[in-house]
């Protein structure tokens, strides 16, 4: 998969809904129900971060739920890319990039949303062919004003900002011409997941899915 093909697929995934849930899953037994709740609420693109021992199994369980596009987040190494692909991930997300990580994603045909935080990083990825990127961590790097400023000289790159994005500030990002969607964890609070409040999560997802962009 070329970087151009990767970004085209990443764009399609980002356009599925205004919000991509960023999920930290401790118990894979909850994964399918969580996926169904989010998809029912209108958020079909799901990012499962590789931050827990249950993450890969959770990706496998979620990938079996109809109507969703399940990706792996926090990809740091080529081994992460390969493990995510084996687990059933259909896209990947990284907090930053290395050449080795990009090489692995391309070799494994895994569409990647690569992370960038500065204009230099954005330009470096653009030079390789990545026109859809993750802006991370968004809020501590200046938030929506910073991303708007980056878009002025580099309008050909579109973003999914994550990191500190919430229902309160999501609209600020989604109003920008260079933002396709946002990533956020508020749609699946840990307490709701633990208690199995799937109806509550579906309501949060529906609220997020209704955000304008």
N, C-alpha and C. Protein backbone atom coordinates (compact mmCIF):
# COMPACT_ATOMS: atom_id res chain seq x y z
N UNK A 1 0.84 -1.20 0.00
CA UNK A 1 0.00 0.00 0.00
C UNK A 1 0.88 1.25 0.00
N UNK A 2 0.60 2.13 -0.93
CA UNK A 2 1.37 3.37 -1.00
C UNK A 2 0.84 4.38 0.02
N UNK A 3 1.63 5.39 0.38
CA UNK A 3 1.13 6.43 1.27
C UNK A 3 -0.13 7.11 0.73
N UNK A 4 -0.18 7.30 -0.58
CA UNK A 4 -1.37 7.93 -1.18
C UNK A 4 -2.60 7.06 -0.98
N UNK A 5 -2.45 5.76 -1.19
CA UNK A 5 -3.57 4.84 -0.97
C UNK A 5 -3.95 4.79 0.50
N UNK A 6 -2.95 4.82 1.37
CA UNK A 6 -3.19 4.80 2.81
C UNK A 6 -4.01 6.01 3.24
N UNK A 7 -3.62 7.19 2.75
CA UNK A 7 -4.34 8.40 3.13
C UNK A 7 -5.75 8.44 2.56
N UNK A 8 -5.93 7.88 1.36
CA UNK A 8 -7.27 7.83 0.77
C UNK A 8 -8.19 6.98 1.63
N UNK A 9 -7.67 5.85 2.11
CA UNK A 9 -8.48 4.98 2.97
C UNK A 9 -8.71 5.63 4.34
N UNK A 10 -7.68 6.29 4.86
CA UNK A 10 -7.83 6.97 6.14
C UNK A 10 -8.88 8.08 6.05
N UNK A 11 -8.89 8.77 4.93
CA UNK A 11 -9.90 9.82 4.73
C UNK A 11 -11.31 9.22 4.76
N UNK A 12 -11.50 8.11 4.05
CA UNK A 12 -12.81 7.45 4.04
C UNK A 12 -13.26 7.09 5.46
N UNK A 13 -12.32 6.58 6.26
CA UNK A 13 -12.64 6.18 7.63
C UNK A 13 -12.98 7.41 8.47
N UNK A 14 -12.22 8.48 8.31
CA UNK A 14 -12.47 9.70 9.08
C UNK A 14 -13.81 10.33 8.73
N UNK A 15 -14.26 10.12 7.51
CA UNK A 15 -15.52 10.72 7.08
C UNK A 15 -16.75 9.90 7.47
N UNK A 16 -16.54 8.75 8.11
CA UNK A 16 -17.68 7.93 8.53
C UNK A 16 -18.52 8.62 9.60
N UNK A 17 -17.88 9.41 10.45
CA UNK A 17 -18.58 10.10 11.54
C UNK A 17 -17.69 11.24 12.03
N UNK A 18 -18.27 12.24 12.69
CA UNK A 18 -17.45 13.35 13.18
C UNK A 18 -16.52 12.99 14.33
N UNK A 19 -16.78 11.87 14.99
CA UNK A 19 -15.97 11.47 16.14
C UNK A 19 -15.53 10.02 15.99
N UNK A 20 -14.25 9.77 16.23
CA UNK A 20 -13.71 8.42 16.32
C UNK A 20 -13.47 8.13 17.81
N UNK A 21 -14.20 7.21 18.41
CA UNK A 21 -13.96 6.87 19.81
C UNK A 21 -12.55 6.32 20.00
N UNK A 22 -11.84 6.85 20.99
CA UNK A 22 -10.51 6.36 21.35
C UNK A 22 -10.69 5.51 22.61
N UNK A 23 -10.49 4.20 22.47
CA UNK A 23 -10.90 3.25 23.49
C UNK A 23 -9.71 2.57 24.17
N UNK A 24 -9.71 2.60 25.48
CA UNK A 24 -8.74 1.86 26.29
C UNK A 24 -9.52 0.73 26.96
N UNK A 25 -9.32 -0.49 26.49
CA UNK A 25 -10.15 -1.61 26.93
C UNK A 25 -9.36 -2.54 27.84
N UNK A 26 -9.88 -2.71 29.06
CA UNK A 26 -9.22 -3.57 30.04
C UNK A 26 -9.71 -5.01 30.01
N UNK A 27 -10.93 -5.20 29.53
CA UNK A 27 -11.53 -6.54 29.51
C UNK A 27 -12.13 -6.79 28.14
N UNK A 28 -11.54 -7.71 27.40
CA UNK A 28 -12.01 -8.00 26.04
C UNK A 28 -13.45 -8.53 26.03
N UNK A 29 -13.92 -9.03 27.16
CA UNK A 29 -15.29 -9.55 27.23
C UNK A 29 -16.32 -8.44 27.01
N UNK A 30 -15.92 -7.19 27.21
CA UNK A 30 -16.85 -6.07 27.00
C UNK A 30 -16.79 -5.53 25.57
N UNK A 31 -15.83 -5.98 24.79
CA UNK A 31 -15.52 -5.34 23.52
C UNK A 31 -16.67 -5.37 22.53
N UNK A 32 -17.28 -6.52 22.33
CA UNK A 32 -18.35 -6.64 21.34
C UNK A 32 -19.54 -5.77 21.71
N UNK A 33 -19.94 -5.81 22.98
CA UNK A 33 -21.07 -4.98 23.42
C UNK A 33 -20.75 -3.50 23.27
N UNK A 34 -19.53 -3.12 23.59
CA UNK A 34 -19.12 -1.72 23.44
C UNK A 34 -19.17 -1.30 21.98
N UNK A 35 -18.65 -2.15 21.11
CA UNK A 35 -18.68 -1.84 19.68
C UNK A 35 -20.12 -1.67 19.18
N UNK A 36 -20.99 -2.59 19.59
CA UNK A 36 -22.39 -2.49 19.15
C UNK A 36 -23.03 -1.20 19.63
N UNK A 37 -22.75 -0.82 20.88
CA UNK A 37 -23.35 0.40 21.44
C UNK A 37 -22.89 1.63 20.66
N UNK A 38 -21.61 1.69 20.34
CA UNK A 38 -21.07 2.85 19.63
C UNK A 38 -21.55 2.90 18.19
N UNK A 39 -21.56 1.75 17.53
CA UNK A 39 -22.02 1.69 16.14
C UNK A 39 -23.50 2.05 16.05
N UNK A 40 -24.30 1.53 17.00
CA UNK A 40 -25.73 1.84 17.03
C UNK A 40 -25.96 3.34 17.21
N UNK A 41 -25.08 3.97 17.98
CA UNK A 41 -25.20 5.41 18.21
C UNK A 41 -24.72 6.25 17.05
N UNK A 42 -24.12 5.63 16.04
CA UNK A 42 -23.70 6.37 14.86
C UNK A 42 -22.22 6.62 14.74
N UNK A 43 -21.41 5.89 15.53
CA UNK A 43 -19.96 6.04 15.46
C UNK A 43 -19.34 4.71 15.04
N UNK A 44 -19.19 4.46 13.74
CA UNK A 44 -18.72 3.15 13.28
C UNK A 44 -17.21 2.98 13.27
N UNK A 45 -16.44 4.07 13.24
CA UNK A 45 -14.98 3.95 13.23
C UNK A 45 -14.47 3.95 14.66
N UNK A 46 -13.81 2.86 15.06
CA UNK A 46 -13.42 2.66 16.45
C UNK A 46 -11.91 2.47 16.54
N UNK A 47 -11.27 3.21 17.44
CA UNK A 47 -9.83 3.07 17.65
C UNK A 47 -9.57 2.42 19.01
N UNK A 48 -9.02 1.23 18.99
CA UNK A 48 -8.67 0.53 20.23
C UNK A 48 -7.17 0.74 20.46
N UNK A 49 -6.83 1.43 21.53
CA UNK A 49 -5.43 1.72 21.79
C UNK A 49 -4.71 0.49 22.34
N UNK A 50 -3.48 0.30 21.87
CA UNK A 50 -2.70 -0.85 22.35
C UNK A 50 -2.00 -0.50 23.66
N UNK A 51 -2.80 -0.18 24.66
CA UNK A 51 -2.26 0.23 25.96
C UNK A 51 -2.56 -0.77 27.06
N UNK A 52 -3.29 -1.83 26.73
CA UNK A 52 -3.64 -2.83 27.73
C UNK A 52 -3.39 -4.22 27.16
N UNK A 53 -3.22 -5.21 28.03
CA UNK A 53 -3.04 -6.59 27.55
C UNK A 53 -4.25 -7.12 26.77
N UNK A 54 -5.42 -6.52 27.01
CA UNK A 54 -6.65 -7.00 26.37
C UNK A 54 -6.88 -6.40 24.99
N UNK A 55 -6.05 -5.44 24.57
CA UNK A 55 -6.34 -4.66 23.38
C UNK A 55 -6.46 -5.49 22.11
N UNK A 56 -5.52 -6.37 21.86
CA UNK A 56 -5.53 -7.13 20.61
C UNK A 56 -6.74 -8.07 20.55
N UNK A 57 -7.04 -8.72 21.67
CA UNK A 57 -8.22 -9.58 21.71
C UNK A 57 -9.49 -8.75 21.52
N UNK A 58 -9.50 -7.54 22.08
CA UNK A 58 -10.66 -6.66 21.93
C UNK A 58 -10.86 -6.28 20.47
N UNK A 59 -9.77 -6.01 19.75
CA UNK A 59 -9.87 -5.70 18.33
C UNK A 59 -10.49 -6.87 17.57
N UNK A 60 -10.05 -8.08 17.88
CA UNK A 60 -10.60 -9.26 17.22
C UNK A 60 -12.10 -9.39 17.47
N UNK A 61 -12.51 -9.16 18.73
CA UNK A 61 -13.94 -9.26 19.07
C UNK A 61 -14.74 -8.16 18.37
N UNK A 62 -14.22 -6.96 18.36
CA UNK A 62 -14.95 -5.84 17.74
C UNK A 62 -15.04 -6.01 16.23
N UNK A 63 -14.00 -6.59 15.63
CA UNK A 63 -14.00 -6.77 14.18
C UNK A 63 -15.11 -7.70 13.71
N UNK A 64 -15.64 -8.51 14.62
CA UNK A 64 -16.72 -9.44 14.28
C UNK A 64 -18.09 -8.76 14.32
N UNK A 65 -18.17 -7.55 14.84
CA UNK A 65 -19.44 -6.84 14.95
C UNK A 65 -19.74 -6.14 13.63
N UNK A 66 -20.88 -6.42 13.02
CA UNK A 66 -21.19 -5.82 11.71
C UNK A 66 -21.31 -4.30 11.78
N UNK A 67 -20.90 -3.66 10.70
CA UNK A 67 -21.12 -2.22 10.57
C UNK A 67 -20.01 -1.33 11.06
N UNK A 68 -18.94 -1.92 11.60
CA UNK A 68 -17.87 -1.09 12.14
C UNK A 68 -16.58 -1.18 11.36
N UNK A 69 -15.70 -0.23 11.61
CA UNK A 69 -14.33 -0.24 11.09
C UNK A 69 -13.42 -0.11 12.29
N UNK A 70 -12.76 -1.18 12.64
CA UNK A 70 -11.99 -1.23 13.89
C UNK A 70 -10.51 -1.04 13.60
N UNK A 71 -9.92 -0.08 14.28
CA UNK A 71 -8.51 0.20 14.11
C UNK A 71 -7.74 0.04 15.39
N UNK A 72 -6.42 0.03 15.26
CA UNK A 72 -5.52 -0.09 16.41
C UNK A 72 -4.79 1.23 16.61
N UNK A 73 -4.86 1.76 17.82
CA UNK A 73 -4.15 2.99 18.13
C UNK A 73 -2.90 2.72 18.93
N UNK A 74 -2.12 3.77 19.14
CA UNK A 74 -0.85 3.68 19.87
C UNK A 74 0.11 2.71 19.21
N UNK A 75 0.15 2.70 17.87
CA UNK A 75 1.14 1.90 17.16
C UNK A 75 2.49 2.59 17.28
N UNK A 76 3.47 1.87 17.83
CA UNK A 76 4.78 2.45 18.06
C UNK A 76 5.89 1.76 17.28
N UNK A 77 5.71 0.49 16.98
CA UNK A 77 6.77 -0.31 16.36
C UNK A 77 6.22 -1.13 15.20
N UNK A 78 7.10 -1.65 14.33
CA UNK A 78 6.64 -2.56 13.29
C UNK A 78 5.92 -3.78 13.87
N UNK A 79 6.37 -4.26 15.02
CA UNK A 79 5.71 -5.41 15.64
C UNK A 79 4.27 -5.07 16.02
N UNK A 80 4.03 -3.83 16.46
CA UNK A 80 2.66 -3.40 16.77
C UNK A 80 1.79 -3.45 15.53
N UNK A 81 2.33 -2.99 14.42
CA UNK A 81 1.58 -2.99 13.16
C UNK A 81 1.20 -4.42 12.77
N UNK A 82 2.15 -5.31 12.84
CA UNK A 82 1.90 -6.70 12.45
C UNK A 82 0.89 -7.37 13.37
N UNK A 83 1.01 -7.11 14.67
CA UNK A 83 0.06 -7.69 15.63
C UNK A 83 -1.34 -7.14 15.42
N UNK A 84 -1.45 -5.85 15.14
CA UNK A 84 -2.75 -5.24 14.91
C UNK A 84 -3.41 -5.82 13.67
N UNK A 85 -2.63 -6.00 12.62
CA UNK A 85 -3.18 -6.57 11.38
C UNK A 85 -3.66 -8.00 11.61
N UNK A 86 -2.87 -8.78 12.34
CA UNK A 86 -3.28 -10.16 12.64
C UNK A 86 -4.55 -10.20 13.47
N UNK A 87 -4.72 -9.22 14.34
CA UNK A 87 -5.89 -9.20 15.22
C UNK A 87 -7.17 -8.81 14.48
N UNK A 88 -7.01 -8.23 13.30
CA UNK A 88 -8.19 -7.86 12.52
C UNK A 88 -8.39 -6.37 12.35
N UNK A 89 -7.42 -5.57 12.75
CA UNK A 89 -7.54 -4.12 12.58
C UNK A 89 -7.57 -3.77 11.09
N UNK A 90 -8.42 -2.82 10.73
CA UNK A 90 -8.51 -2.39 9.33
C UNK A 90 -7.85 -1.03 9.11
N UNK A 91 -7.37 -0.40 10.18
CA UNK A 91 -6.56 0.80 10.06
C UNK A 91 -5.74 0.95 11.33
N UNK A 92 -4.73 1.82 11.27
CA UNK A 92 -3.87 2.05 12.42
C UNK A 92 -3.74 3.54 12.69
N UNK A 93 -3.40 3.85 13.94
CA UNK A 93 -3.21 5.23 14.37
C UNK A 93 -1.95 5.28 15.24
N UNK A 94 -1.10 6.27 14.99
CA UNK A 94 0.12 6.38 15.79
C UNK A 94 0.24 7.77 16.39
N UNK A 95 0.84 7.89 17.59
CA UNK A 95 1.00 9.21 18.21
C UNK A 95 2.04 10.07 17.52
N UNK A 96 2.99 9.42 16.87
CA UNK A 96 4.03 10.09 16.10
C UNK A 96 4.45 9.13 15.00
N UNK A 97 5.60 9.36 14.38
CA UNK A 97 6.02 8.44 13.33
C UNK A 97 7.52 8.19 13.36
N UNK A 98 7.88 7.03 12.85
CA UNK A 98 9.26 6.71 12.51
C UNK A 98 9.24 6.12 11.11
N UNK A 99 10.36 6.14 10.44
CA UNK A 99 10.41 5.52 9.11
C UNK A 99 10.07 4.04 9.18
N UNK A 100 10.53 3.38 10.25
CA UNK A 100 10.26 1.95 10.39
C UNK A 100 8.77 1.68 10.53
N UNK A 101 8.08 2.54 11.25
CA UNK A 101 6.63 2.36 11.43
C UNK A 101 5.90 2.57 10.11
N UNK A 102 6.27 3.61 9.38
CA UNK A 102 5.65 3.86 8.08
C UNK A 102 5.91 2.71 7.11
N UNK A 103 7.15 2.23 7.10
CA UNK A 103 7.50 1.11 6.23
C UNK A 103 6.63 -0.11 6.55
N UNK A 104 6.46 -0.38 7.84
CA UNK A 104 5.70 -1.56 8.26
C UNK A 104 4.23 -1.44 7.87
N UNK A 105 3.65 -0.27 8.07
CA UNK A 105 2.25 -0.07 7.72
C UNK A 105 2.04 -0.25 6.22
N UNK A 106 2.95 0.30 5.43
CA UNK A 106 2.84 0.17 3.98
C UNK A 106 3.03 -1.28 3.55
N UNK A 107 3.98 -1.98 4.16
CA UNK A 107 4.26 -3.37 3.79
C UNK A 107 3.12 -4.30 4.17
N UNK A 108 2.40 -3.94 5.25
CA UNK A 108 1.31 -4.79 5.73
C UNK A 108 -0.07 -4.34 5.23
N UNK A 109 -0.07 -3.38 4.31
CA UNK A 109 -1.34 -2.88 3.76
C UNK A 109 -2.30 -2.43 4.85
N UNK A 110 -1.77 -1.73 5.85
CA UNK A 110 -2.60 -1.22 6.93
C UNK A 110 -2.68 0.30 6.79
N UNK A 111 -3.83 0.84 6.41
CA UNK A 111 -3.97 2.29 6.32
C UNK A 111 -3.61 2.93 7.65
N UNK A 112 -2.82 3.99 7.59
CA UNK A 112 -2.29 4.60 8.81
C UNK A 112 -2.67 6.06 8.91
N UNK A 113 -3.08 6.45 10.12
CA UNK A 113 -3.28 7.84 10.48
C UNK A 113 -2.07 8.23 11.33
N UNK A 114 -1.01 8.76 10.70
CA UNK A 114 0.23 9.02 11.43
C UNK A 114 0.18 10.33 12.21
N UNK A 115 0.76 10.33 13.38
CA UNK A 115 0.71 11.48 14.25
C UNK A 115 1.74 12.54 13.93
N UNK A 116 1.32 13.81 14.03
CA UNK A 116 2.21 14.96 13.85
C UNK A 116 1.77 16.06 14.80
N UNK A 117 2.73 16.84 15.27
CA UNK A 117 2.41 17.91 16.21
C UNK A 117 2.94 19.27 15.77
N UNK A 118 3.82 19.30 14.78
CA UNK A 118 4.42 20.55 14.32
C UNK A 118 4.34 20.65 12.81
N UNK A 119 4.53 21.86 12.29
CA UNK A 119 4.51 22.06 10.85
C UNK A 119 5.60 21.23 10.17
N UNK A 120 6.76 21.11 10.81
CA UNK A 120 7.85 20.33 10.23
C UNK A 120 7.45 18.86 10.10
N UNK A 121 6.82 18.31 11.14
CA UNK A 121 6.39 16.91 11.09
C UNK A 121 5.31 16.72 10.03
N UNK A 122 4.39 17.67 9.95
CA UNK A 122 3.34 17.60 8.93
C UNK A 122 3.96 17.61 7.53
N UNK A 123 4.94 18.49 7.32
CA UNK A 123 5.59 18.59 6.01
C UNK A 123 6.36 17.32 5.66
N UNK A 124 7.00 16.73 6.65
CA UNK A 124 7.77 15.52 6.40
C UNK A 124 6.84 14.38 5.96
N UNK A 125 5.71 14.25 6.63
CA UNK A 125 4.74 13.22 6.23
C UNK A 125 4.14 13.53 4.87
N UNK A 126 3.88 14.79 4.60
CA UNK A 126 3.34 15.19 3.31
C UNK A 126 4.31 14.84 2.19
N UNK A 127 5.60 15.07 2.44
CA UNK A 127 6.61 14.76 1.43
C UNK A 127 6.62 13.28 1.09
N UNK A 128 6.25 12.44 2.06
CA UNK A 128 6.21 10.99 1.81
C UNK A 128 4.90 10.58 1.14
N UNK A 129 3.90 11.46 1.19
CA UNK A 129 2.63 11.16 0.53
C UNK A 129 1.43 11.07 1.44
N UNK A 130 1.61 11.36 2.72
CA UNK A 130 0.51 11.26 3.68
C UNK A 130 -0.21 12.60 3.78
N UNK A 131 -1.42 12.64 3.24
CA UNK A 131 -2.20 13.87 3.24
C UNK A 131 -3.30 13.88 4.30
N UNK A 132 -3.43 12.79 5.03
CA UNK A 132 -4.36 12.71 6.17
C UNK A 132 -3.55 12.28 7.38
N UNK A 133 -3.58 13.09 8.44
CA UNK A 133 -2.73 12.86 9.59
C UNK A 133 -3.51 13.07 10.89
N UNK A 134 -2.91 12.59 11.95
CA UNK A 134 -3.44 12.81 13.29
C UNK A 134 -2.68 13.98 13.92
N UNK A 135 -3.41 14.95 14.47
CA UNK A 135 -2.78 16.06 15.20
C UNK A 135 -2.81 15.71 16.68
N UNK A 136 -1.63 15.45 17.26
CA UNK A 136 -1.58 14.93 18.63
C UNK A 136 -0.30 15.39 19.33
N UNK A 137 -0.41 15.68 20.65
CA UNK A 137 -1.64 15.87 21.42
C UNK A 137 -2.22 17.25 21.17
N UNK A 138 -3.45 17.30 20.76
CA UNK A 138 -4.04 18.51 20.19
C UNK A 138 -4.07 19.69 21.15
N UNK A 139 -4.66 19.51 22.31
CA UNK A 139 -4.87 20.65 23.19
C UNK A 139 -3.56 21.26 23.71
N UNK A 140 -2.61 20.43 24.10
CA UNK A 140 -1.36 20.98 24.64
C UNK A 140 -0.46 21.55 23.55
N UNK A 141 -0.80 21.27 22.29
CA UNK A 141 -0.04 21.85 21.18
C UNK A 141 -0.74 23.06 20.57
N UNK A 142 -1.63 23.67 21.33
CA UNK A 142 -2.26 24.90 20.88
C UNK A 142 -3.69 24.78 20.43
N UNK A 143 -4.21 23.55 20.42
CA UNK A 143 -5.62 23.35 20.13
C UNK A 143 -6.03 23.76 18.73
N UNK A 144 -7.30 24.12 18.61
CA UNK A 144 -7.86 24.48 17.31
C UNK A 144 -7.16 25.68 16.67
N UNK A 145 -6.77 26.72 17.43
CA UNK A 145 -6.06 27.84 16.80
C UNK A 145 -4.74 27.41 16.15
N UNK A 146 -4.01 26.51 16.79
CA UNK A 146 -2.75 26.03 16.22
C UNK A 146 -2.99 25.24 14.95
N UNK A 147 -4.01 24.40 14.96
CA UNK A 147 -4.30 23.59 13.78
C UNK A 147 -4.78 24.45 12.63
N UNK A 148 -5.55 25.49 12.94
CA UNK A 148 -5.97 26.44 11.91
C UNK A 148 -4.77 27.15 11.30
N UNK A 149 -3.81 27.50 12.16
CA UNK A 149 -2.61 28.19 11.69
C UNK A 149 -1.77 27.29 10.78
N UNK A 150 -1.67 26.00 11.14
CA UNK A 150 -0.93 25.06 10.30
C UNK A 150 -1.61 24.91 8.94
N UNK A 151 -2.93 24.97 8.94
CA UNK A 151 -3.68 24.79 7.70
C UNK A 151 -3.51 25.92 6.71
N UNK A 152 -3.13 27.10 7.19
CA UNK A 152 -2.99 28.24 6.27
C UNK A 152 -1.90 27.99 5.22
N UNK A 153 -0.66 27.62 5.63
CA UNK A 153 0.37 27.36 4.63
C UNK A 153 0.38 25.92 4.09
N UNK A 154 -0.33 25.00 4.77
CA UNK A 154 -0.32 23.59 4.34
C UNK A 154 -1.77 23.10 4.21
N UNK A 155 -2.54 23.69 3.30
CA UNK A 155 -3.97 23.35 3.20
C UNK A 155 -4.24 21.97 2.63
N UNK A 156 -3.22 21.36 2.02
CA UNK A 156 -3.45 20.06 1.38
C UNK A 156 -3.46 18.89 2.36
N UNK A 157 -3.20 19.15 3.64
CA UNK A 157 -3.22 18.10 4.66
C UNK A 157 -4.48 18.25 5.51
N UNK A 158 -5.17 17.14 5.73
CA UNK A 158 -6.35 17.10 6.60
C UNK A 158 -6.01 16.32 7.86
N UNK A 159 -6.76 16.59 8.93
CA UNK A 159 -6.39 16.05 10.23
C UNK A 159 -7.56 15.43 10.99
N UNK A 160 -7.18 14.52 11.89
CA UNK A 160 -8.03 14.05 12.98
C UNK A 160 -7.32 14.43 14.27
N UNK A 161 -7.69 15.53 14.90
CA UNK A 161 -7.05 15.92 16.16
C UNK A 161 -7.53 15.05 17.32
N UNK A 162 -6.62 14.65 18.17
CA UNK A 162 -6.94 13.91 19.38
C UNK A 162 -6.02 14.37 20.50
N UNK A 163 -6.43 14.09 21.72
CA UNK A 163 -5.64 14.48 22.88
C UNK A 163 -6.22 15.72 23.52
N UNK A 164 -7.10 15.53 24.50
CA UNK A 164 -7.74 16.66 25.15
C UNK A 164 -9.00 17.13 24.45
N UNK A 165 -9.42 16.41 23.42
CA UNK A 165 -10.66 16.77 22.71
C UNK A 165 -11.85 16.20 23.47
N UNK A 166 -12.87 17.02 23.66
CA UNK A 166 -14.05 16.62 24.42
C UNK A 166 -15.29 17.18 23.75
N UNK A 167 -16.45 16.84 24.27
CA UNK A 167 -17.69 17.38 23.73
C UNK A 167 -17.68 18.91 23.81
N UNK A 168 -17.01 19.44 24.82
CA UNK A 168 -16.98 20.88 25.04
C UNK A 168 -16.23 21.62 23.93
N UNK A 169 -15.15 21.05 23.42
CA UNK A 169 -14.35 21.77 22.43
C UNK A 169 -14.33 21.12 21.05
N UNK A 170 -15.02 19.99 20.88
CA UNK A 170 -15.00 19.29 19.60
C UNK A 170 -15.46 20.17 18.45
N UNK A 171 -16.48 20.99 18.68
CA UNK A 171 -17.01 21.85 17.62
C UNK A 171 -15.96 22.85 17.13
N UNK A 172 -15.06 23.29 18.02
CA UNK A 172 -14.02 24.22 17.61
C UNK A 172 -13.12 23.59 16.55
N UNK A 173 -12.80 22.32 16.74
CA UNK A 173 -11.97 21.61 15.76
C UNK A 173 -12.76 21.29 14.49
N UNK A 174 -13.98 20.80 14.66
CA UNK A 174 -14.77 20.35 13.52
C UNK A 174 -15.15 21.50 12.59
N UNK A 175 -15.08 22.73 13.09
CA UNK A 175 -15.40 23.89 12.26
C UNK A 175 -14.26 24.25 11.31
N UNK A 176 -13.08 23.68 11.50
CA UNK A 176 -11.92 24.01 10.68
C UNK A 176 -11.96 23.30 9.34
N UNK A 177 -11.49 23.98 8.31
CA UNK A 177 -11.51 23.41 6.96
C UNK A 177 -10.59 22.21 6.82
N UNK A 178 -9.55 22.13 7.66
CA UNK A 178 -8.58 21.04 7.53
C UNK A 178 -8.82 19.91 8.53
N UNK A 179 -10.00 19.86 9.13
CA UNK A 179 -10.34 18.78 10.08
C UNK A 179 -11.45 17.91 9.49
N UNK A 180 -11.18 16.61 9.44
CA UNK A 180 -12.17 15.65 8.94
C UNK A 180 -13.04 15.11 10.06
N UNK A 181 -12.43 14.87 11.21
CA UNK A 181 -13.12 14.32 12.37
C UNK A 181 -12.23 14.56 13.58
N UNK A 182 -12.72 14.21 14.76
CA UNK A 182 -11.89 14.29 15.96
C UNK A 182 -11.88 12.92 16.63
N UNK A 183 -10.87 12.69 17.44
CA UNK A 183 -10.81 11.47 18.24
C UNK A 183 -11.01 11.82 19.69
N UNK A 184 -11.84 11.03 20.39
CA UNK A 184 -12.09 11.34 21.79
C UNK A 184 -12.54 10.12 22.58
N UNK A 185 -12.26 10.16 23.86
CA UNK A 185 -12.60 9.03 24.73
C UNK A 185 -13.88 9.27 25.53
N UNK A 186 -14.43 10.48 25.45
CA UNK A 186 -15.57 10.80 26.32
C UNK A 186 -16.82 10.00 25.99
N UNK A 187 -16.89 9.41 24.79
CA UNK A 187 -18.10 8.67 24.40
C UNK A 187 -18.17 7.28 25.03
N UNK A 188 -17.10 6.85 25.67
CA UNK A 188 -17.10 5.53 26.32
C UNK A 188 -16.43 5.62 27.68
N UNK A 189 -17.07 6.29 28.64
CA UNK A 189 -16.47 6.45 29.97
C UNK A 189 -16.21 5.09 30.63
N UNK A 190 -15.10 4.99 31.31
CA UNK A 190 -14.72 3.72 31.93
C UNK A 190 -15.80 3.18 32.86
N UNK A 191 -16.43 4.06 33.62
CA UNK A 191 -17.46 3.63 34.56
C UNK A 191 -18.66 3.01 33.83
N UNK A 192 -19.03 3.59 32.72
CA UNK A 192 -20.16 3.05 31.95
C UNK A 192 -19.81 1.70 31.34
N UNK A 193 -18.58 1.58 30.85
CA UNK A 193 -18.15 0.31 30.28
C UNK A 193 -18.14 -0.77 31.36
N UNK A 194 -17.60 -0.42 32.51
CA UNK A 194 -17.50 -1.39 33.61
C UNK A 194 -18.87 -1.86 34.08
N UNK A 195 -19.83 -0.93 34.10
CA UNK A 195 -21.17 -1.28 34.58
C UNK A 195 -22.05 -1.87 33.49
N UNK A 196 -21.55 -1.85 32.25
CA UNK A 196 -22.35 -2.38 31.14
C UNK A 196 -23.51 -1.49 30.75
N UNK A 197 -23.34 -0.19 30.90
CA UNK A 197 -24.40 0.76 30.54
C UNK A 197 -24.32 1.05 29.04
N UNK A 198 -24.69 0.06 28.26
CA UNK A 198 -24.57 0.19 26.80
C UNK A 198 -25.56 1.19 26.24
N UNK A 199 -26.75 1.30 26.83
CA UNK A 199 -27.72 2.29 26.37
C UNK A 199 -27.18 3.70 26.61
N UNK A 200 -26.51 3.89 27.74
CA UNK A 200 -25.93 5.20 28.03
C UNK A 200 -24.84 5.56 27.04
N UNK A 201 -24.01 4.59 26.69
CA UNK A 201 -22.95 4.82 25.72
C UNK A 201 -23.53 5.10 24.33
N UNK A 202 -24.60 4.40 23.99
CA UNK A 202 -25.26 4.67 22.71
C UNK A 202 -25.78 6.10 22.67
N UNK A 203 -26.30 6.60 23.79
CA UNK A 203 -26.79 7.99 23.84
C UNK A 203 -25.63 8.97 23.65
N UNK A 204 -24.51 8.71 24.31
CA UNK A 204 -23.34 9.57 24.15
C UNK A 204 -22.83 9.55 22.72
N UNK A 205 -22.84 8.36 22.12
CA UNK A 205 -22.40 8.23 20.74
C UNK A 205 -23.31 9.01 19.79
N UNK A 206 -24.61 8.93 20.03
CA UNK A 206 -25.57 9.64 19.17
C UNK A 206 -25.38 11.16 19.29
N UNK A 207 -25.08 11.61 20.49
CA UNK A 207 -24.83 13.04 20.70
C UNK A 207 -23.58 13.47 19.93
N UNK A 208 -22.55 12.63 19.97
CA UNK A 208 -21.31 12.93 19.25
C UNK A 208 -21.51 12.86 17.74
N UNK A 209 -22.29 11.88 17.30
CA UNK A 209 -22.52 11.69 15.86
C UNK A 209 -23.30 12.85 15.26
N UNK A 210 -24.03 13.59 16.10
CA UNK A 210 -24.84 14.71 15.62
C UNK A 210 -24.05 16.01 15.51
N UNK A 211 -22.78 16.00 15.93
CA UNK A 211 -21.97 17.22 15.83
C UNK A 211 -21.79 17.64 14.38
N UNK A 212 -21.88 18.93 14.14
CA UNK A 212 -21.72 19.44 12.79
C UNK A 212 -20.26 19.53 12.40
N UNK A 213 -19.99 19.37 11.11
CA UNK A 213 -18.63 19.54 10.59
C UNK A 213 -18.69 20.07 9.17
